[in-house]
Amino acid sequence: MRGQSGTSWVFLTNHARALYFIAENPEIRIRELADALDVTERASQTIVNDLVDAHYVTRTRVGRRNRYTVRPEMPMRHPLVRDVQIGELIDLIAGARDVRSLRAG
């Protein structure tokens, strides 16, 4: 993904974007998440493991698949925004996507 000035950085990390995609689709497969994030499956698995290890996401085995649950009450990690819950970030991203969809449709 390229920024407006042609650089390769973005405002939302892959971890933040993964939280959003997991919240939108709790049964997302690692392969699907990797495609959505435009990363390898291995990188996607590492991101999910990071989120699970930090207790931002719980992983439950259902048959041969995993089901993920985002814990929206968890605080953001950076000290500057530690008083913001990740659920608020997810809502902000979802709201922005809804507005774009309305404008396009």
C-alpha atoms as a PDB file:
ATOM      1  CA  MET A   1       0.000   0.000   0.000  1.00  0.00           C
ATOM      2  CA  ARG A   2       1.383   3.396  -0.880  1.00  0.00           C
ATOM      3  CA  GLY A   3       0.744   6.703   0.889  1.00  0.00           C
ATOM      4  CA  GLN A   4      -0.144   9.850  -0.983  1.00  0.00           C
ATOM      5  CA  SER A   5       3.467  10.979  -1.255  1.00  0.00           C
ATOM      6  CA  GLY A   6       4.614   7.643  -2.715  1.00  0.00           C
ATOM      7  CA  THR A   7       6.118   6.354   0.538  1.00  0.00           C
ATOM      8  CA  SER A   8       5.326   2.903   1.879  1.00  0.00           C
ATOM      9  CA  TRP A   9       4.210   3.804   5.409  1.00  0.00           C
ATOM     10  CA  VAL A  10       0.611   3.763   6.655  1.00  0.00           C
ATOM     11  CA  PHE A  11      -1.180   5.178   9.690  1.00  0.00           C
ATOM     12  CA  LEU A  12      -2.697   1.907  10.874  1.00  0.00           C
ATOM     13  CA  THR A  13      -0.366  -0.991  11.621  1.00  0.00           C
ATOM     14  CA  ASN A  14      -1.087  -4.499  10.433  1.00  0.00           C
ATOM     15  CA  HIS A  15      -1.973  -5.383  14.022  1.00  0.00           C
ATOM     16  CA  ALA A  16      -4.679  -2.681  14.138  1.00  0.00           C
ATOM     17  CA  ARG A  17      -6.008  -3.691  10.749  1.00  0.00           C
ATOM     18  CA  ALA A  18      -6.002  -7.364  11.795  1.00  0.00           C
ATOM     19  CA  LEU A  19      -8.081  -6.485  14.867  1.00  0.00           C
ATOM     20  CA  TYR A  20     -10.617  -4.830  12.595  1.00  0.00           C
ATOM     21  CA  PHE A  21     -10.791  -7.759  10.156  1.00  0.00           C
ATOM     22  CA  ILE A  22     -11.089 -10.260  13.019  1.00  0.00           C
ATOM     23  CA  ALA A  23     -13.868  -8.181  14.620  1.00  0.00           C
ATOM     24  CA  GLU A  24     -15.708  -8.107  11.278  1.00  0.00           C
ATOM     25  CA  ASN A  25     -15.263 -11.837  10.653  1.00  0.00           C
ATOM     26  CA  PRO A  26     -14.541 -13.902  13.797  1.00  0.00           C
ATOM     27  CA  GLU A  27     -14.121 -17.067  11.716  1.00  0.00           C
ATOM     28  CA  ILE A  28     -11.598 -15.542   9.322  1.00  0.00           C
ATOM     29  CA  ARG A  29      -8.898 -17.937   8.186  1.00  0.00           C
ATOM     30  CA  ILE A  30      -5.238 -17.016   8.401  1.00  0.00           C
ATOM     31  CA  ARG A  31      -5.041 -17.165   4.600  1.00  0.00           C
ATOM     32  CA  GLU A  32      -7.952 -14.714   4.261  1.00  0.00           C
ATOM     33  CA  LEU A  33      -6.432 -12.395   6.841  1.00  0.00           C
ATOM     34  CA  ALA A  34      -3.086 -12.505   5.040  1.00  0.00           C
ATOM     35  CA  ASP A  35      -4.819 -11.523   1.786  1.00  0.00           C
ATOM     36  CA  ALA A  36      -6.691  -8.668   3.490  1.00  0.00           C
ATOM     37  CA  LEU A  37      -3.472  -7.370   5.077  1.00  0.00           C
ATOM     38  CA  ASP A  38      -1.383  -8.019   1.952  1.00  0.00           C
ATOM     39  CA  VAL A  39       1.165 -10.024   3.957  1.00  0.00           C
ATOM     40  CA  THR A  40       2.302 -13.645   3.971  1.00  0.00           C
ATOM     41  CA  GLU A  41       0.345 -16.292   5.847  1.00  0.00           C
ATOM     42  CA  ARG A  42       3.283 -16.646   8.216  1.00  0.00           C
ATOM     43  CA  ALA A  43       3.228 -12.895   8.990  1.00  0.00           C
ATOM     44  CA  SER A  44      -0.537 -13.074   9.466  1.00  0.00           C
ATOM     45  CA  GLN A  45      -0.153 -15.979  11.905  1.00  0.00           C
ATOM     46  CA  THR A  46       2.506 -14.049  13.834  1.00  0.00           C
ATOM     47  CA  ILE A  47       0.199 -11.026  14.117  1.00  0.00           C
ATOM     48  CA  VAL A  48      -2.674 -13.167  15.395  1.00  0.00           C
ATOM     49  CA  ASN A  49      -0.358 -14.878  17.890  1.00  0.00           C
ATOM     50  CA  ASP A  50       0.835 -11.457  19.103  1.00  0.00           C
ATOM     51  CA  LEU A  51      -2.772 -10.327  19.606  1.00  0.00           C
ATOM     52  CA  VAL A  52      -3.702 -13.549  21.408  1.00  0.00           C
ATOM     53  CA  ASP A  53      -0.581 -13.480  23.606  1.00  0.00           C
ATOM     54  CA  ALA A  54      -1.329  -9.862  24.586  1.00  0.00           C
ATOM     55  CA  HIS A  55      -4.967 -10.808  25.406  1.00  0.00           C
ATOM     56  CA  TYR A  56      -6.487  -8.511  22.773  1.00  0.00           C
ATOM     57  CA  VAL A  57      -7.994 -11.534  20.999  1.00  0.00           C
ATOM     58  CA  THR A  58      -9.095 -14.920  22.268  1.00  0.00           C
ATOM     59  CA  ARG A  59      -8.843 -17.983  20.046  1.00  0.00           C
ATOM     60  CA  THR A  60     -11.251 -20.890  20.421  1.00  0.00           C
ATOM     61  CA  ARG A  61     -10.967 -24.115  18.486  1.00  0.00           C
ATOM     62  CA  VAL A  62     -14.260 -25.090  16.813  1.00  0.00           C
ATOM     63  CA  GLY A  63     -13.821 -28.399  15.020  1.00  0.00           C
ATOM     64  CA  ARG A  64     -10.959 -27.931  12.578  1.00  0.00           C
ATOM     65  CA  ARG A  65     -11.198 -24.136  12.572  1.00  0.00           C
ATOM     66  CA  ASN A  66     -10.520 -21.282  14.936  1.00  0.00           C
ATOM     67  CA  ARG A  67     -12.981 -18.671  16.089  1.00  0.00           C
ATOM     68  CA  TYR A  68     -11.581 -15.378  17.296  1.00  0.00           C
ATOM     69  CA  THR A  69     -13.081 -12.885  19.707  1.00  0.00           C
ATOM     70  CA  VAL A  70     -11.764  -9.346  20.021  1.00  0.00           C
ATOM     71  CA  ARG A  71     -11.782  -7.936  23.538  1.00  0.00           C
ATOM     72  CA  PRO A  72     -13.003  -4.378  22.820  1.00  0.00           C
ATOM     73  CA  GLU A  73     -12.465  -3.194  26.398  1.00  0.00           C
ATOM     74  CA  MET A  74      -8.696  -3.581  26.122  1.00  0.00           C
ATOM     75  CA  PRO A  75      -6.715  -0.326  26.087  1.00  0.00           C
ATOM     76  CA  MET A  76      -4.554   0.833  23.220  1.00  0.00           C
ATOM     77  CA  ARG A  77      -0.900   0.005  23.898  1.00  0.00           C
ATOM     78  CA  HIS A  78       0.768   3.365  23.303  1.00  0.00           C
ATOM     79  CA  PRO A  79       0.948   5.568  26.433  1.00  0.00           C
ATOM     80  CA  LEU A  80      -0.417   8.558  24.506  1.00  0.00           C
ATOM     81  CA  VAL A  81      -3.725   6.774  23.831  1.00  0.00           C
ATOM     82  CA  ARG A  82      -3.837   4.224  26.639  1.00  0.00           C
ATOM     83  CA  ASP A  83      -7.196   5.634  27.777  1.00  0.00           C
ATOM     84  CA  VAL A  84      -8.765   4.651  24.431  1.00  0.00           C
ATOM     85  CA  GLN A  85     -10.223   1.169  24.148  1.00  0.00           C
ATOM     86  CA  ILE A  86      -9.546  -0.874  21.015  1.00  0.00           C
ATOM     87  CA  GLY A  87     -13.287  -1.218  20.493  1.00  0.00           C
ATOM     88  CA  GLU A  88     -13.378   2.523  19.866  1.00  0.00           C
ATOM     89  CA  LEU A  89     -10.698   2.182  17.192  1.00  0.00           C
ATOM     90  CA  ILE A  90     -12.592  -0.667  15.540  1.00  0.00           C
ATOM     91  CA  ASP A  91     -15.794   1.417  15.583  1.00  0.00           C
ATOM     92  CA  LEU A  92     -13.936   4.344  14.022  1.00  0.00           C
ATOM     93  CA  ILE A  93     -12.591   2.193  11.179  1.00  0.00           C
ATOM     94  CA  ALA A  94     -15.996   0.566  10.623  1.00  0.00           C
ATOM     95  CA  GLY A  95     -17.682   3.965  10.563  1.00  0.00           C
ATOM     96  CA  ALA A  96     -15.216   5.293   8.001  1.00  0.00           C
ATOM     97  CA  ARG A  97     -15.858   2.269   5.792  1.00  0.00           C
ATOM     98  CA  ASP A  98     -19.633   2.751   6.119  1.00  0.00           C
ATOM     99  CA  VAL A  99     -19.361   6.409   5.088  1.00  0.00           C
ATOM    100  CA  ARG A 100     -17.261   5.490   2.028  1.00  0.00           C
ATOM    101  CA  SER A 101     -19.818   2.838   1.057  1.00  0.00           C
ATOM    102  CA  LEU A 102     -22.649   5.351   1.308  1.00  0.00           C
ATOM    103  CA  ARG A 103     -20.765   7.864  -0.829  1.00  0.00           C
ATOM    104  CA  ALA A 104     -19.954   5.235  -3.455  1.00  0.00           C
ATOM    105  CA  GLY A 105     -23.500   3.846  -3.561  1.00  0.00           C
END
